[in-house]
Amino acid sequence: MAIASLVAVVLLCVAGIGAVITQIRCVDAAREAARLAARGDGSGVGAATALAPAGASVELRRDGAYVVARVSGSSPMLPGIVIVAEAVSAAEPGR
C-alpha cells in the first residue's frame, strides 16, 4: 500500500511538472506570435506553432492598436486540462 501511494504521488508530480512545461511553452509561443505580428512579420503563427507544444492551436487577432495572440494546448499526462496563454503587443505604427 505504501509503495502504491508513493508511485501515485510521483506520477502526480511528474504530471504537474509536464503541465508547467506546457504552460511555459504556450507563454513563449504566444509572446513570440504577438511580437512578430505587431512588427508586421507574416511568420508570427509559424513561429508560434514551432514553439508551442504538439497539437496546440494558435490564434492571432487585432484589438484596436494591439495584437493579441492566444495559444492553447493540453498537457500530455493531463489530457483533460486545457492550458492557455495569451500575449498582447502594441502594433507598430502604420501596421
Protein backbone atom coordinates (compact mmCIF):
# COMPACT_ATOMS: atom_id res chain seq x y z
CA MET A 1 0.00 0.00 0.00
CA ALA A 2 2.82 2.42 0.83
CA ILE A 3 4.60 1.75 -2.46
CA ALA A 4 1.39 2.31 -4.43
CA SER A 5 0.90 5.62 -2.64
CA LEU A 6 4.46 6.65 -3.45
CA VAL A 7 4.01 5.73 -7.10
CA ALA A 8 0.77 7.74 -7.25
CA VAL A 9 2.43 10.79 -5.70
CA VAL A 10 5.40 10.56 -8.07
CA LEU A 11 3.08 10.26 -11.09
CA LEU A 12 1.09 13.30 -9.96
CA CYS A 13 4.31 15.28 -9.52
CA VAL A 14 5.54 14.29 -12.98
CA ALA A 15 2.15 15.21 -14.49
CA GLY A 16 2.29 18.58 -12.71
CA ILE A 17 5.79 19.27 -13.99
CA GLY A 18 4.64 18.36 -17.50
CA ALA A 19 1.74 20.81 -17.20
CA VAL A 20 4.11 23.58 -16.07
CA ILE A 21 6.42 22.89 -19.02
CA THR A 22 3.43 23.03 -21.37
CA GLN A 23 2.38 26.36 -19.83
CA ILE A 24 5.86 27.80 -20.32
CA ARG A 25 5.92 26.69 -23.95
CA CYS A 26 2.48 28.21 -24.56
CA VAL A 27 3.55 31.52 -22.98
CA ASP A 28 6.71 31.62 -25.12
CA ALA A 29 4.76 30.84 -28.28
CA ALA A 30 2.09 33.48 -27.57
CA ARG A 31 4.71 36.12 -26.79
CA GLU A 32 6.62 35.40 -29.97
CA ALA A 33 3.49 35.38 -32.14
CA ALA A 34 2.25 38.69 -30.71
CA ARG A 35 5.64 40.34 -31.11
CA LEU A 36 6.12 39.22 -34.70
CA ALA A 37 2.55 40.09 -35.70
CA ALA A 38 2.89 43.54 -34.12
CA ARG A 39 6.01 44.16 -36.19
CA GLY A 40 4.17 43.15 -39.34
CA ASP A 41 6.09 39.93 -39.94
CA GLY A 42 3.87 37.31 -41.51
CA SER A 43 5.67 34.48 -39.72
CA GLY A 44 4.02 35.00 -36.33
CA VAL A 45 1.78 31.96 -36.48
CA GLY A 46 4.54 29.81 -37.97
CA ALA A 47 7.00 30.74 -35.24
CA ALA A 48 4.39 30.20 -32.55
CA THR A 49 3.48 26.80 -33.96
CA ALA A 50 7.14 25.79 -33.86
CA LEU A 51 7.47 26.89 -30.21
CA ALA A 52 4.10 25.63 -28.98
CA PRO A 53 3.53 22.09 -27.73
CA ALA A 54 2.43 19.50 -30.28
CA GLY A 55 -1.23 19.84 -31.16
CA ALA A 56 -1.59 23.35 -29.74
CA SER A 57 -3.76 25.91 -31.50
CA VAL A 58 -2.51 29.42 -32.25
CA GLU A 59 -4.89 32.34 -32.79
CA LEU A 60 -3.99 35.92 -33.70
CA ARG A 61 -6.43 38.81 -33.59
CA ARG A 62 -6.25 42.56 -33.75
CA ASP A 63 -7.82 44.60 -30.96
CA GLY A 64 -7.54 48.25 -31.92
CA ALA A 65 -3.89 49.24 -31.73
CA TYR A 66 -2.90 45.90 -30.20
CA VAL A 67 -2.24 42.40 -31.45
CA VAL A 68 -3.42 39.56 -29.23
CA ALA A 69 -2.00 36.06 -29.56
CA ARG A 70 -3.64 33.10 -27.85
CA VAL A 71 -2.07 29.65 -27.68
CA SER A 72 -3.93 26.72 -26.18
CA GLY A 73 -2.84 23.14 -25.78
CA SER A 74 -3.09 20.19 -23.46
CA SER A 75 -0.57 18.52 -21.24
CA PRO A 76 0.47 15.03 -22.38
CA MET A 77 -0.21 13.43 -19.00
CA LEU A 78 -3.31 15.51 -18.17
CA PRO A 79 -5.29 15.49 -21.44
CA GLY A 80 -8.48 16.77 -19.80
CA ILE A 81 -6.87 20.06 -18.80
CA VAL A 82 -6.55 22.81 -21.42
CA ILE A 83 -3.61 25.14 -20.89
CA VAL A 84 -3.99 28.63 -22.38
CA ALA A 85 -1.57 31.53 -22.69
CA GLU A 86 -2.31 34.97 -24.09
CA ALA A 87 0.09 37.76 -25.03
CA VAL A 88 -0.63 41.33 -26.11
CA SER A 89 1.70 43.59 -28.06
CA ALA A 90 1.25 47.14 -29.34
CA ALA A 91 1.20 47.23 -33.13
CA GLU A 92 3.93 49.19 -34.85
CA PRO A 93 2.74 52.49 -36.30
CA GLY A 94 1.48 52.06 -39.85
CA ARG A 95 0.78 48.34 -39.41
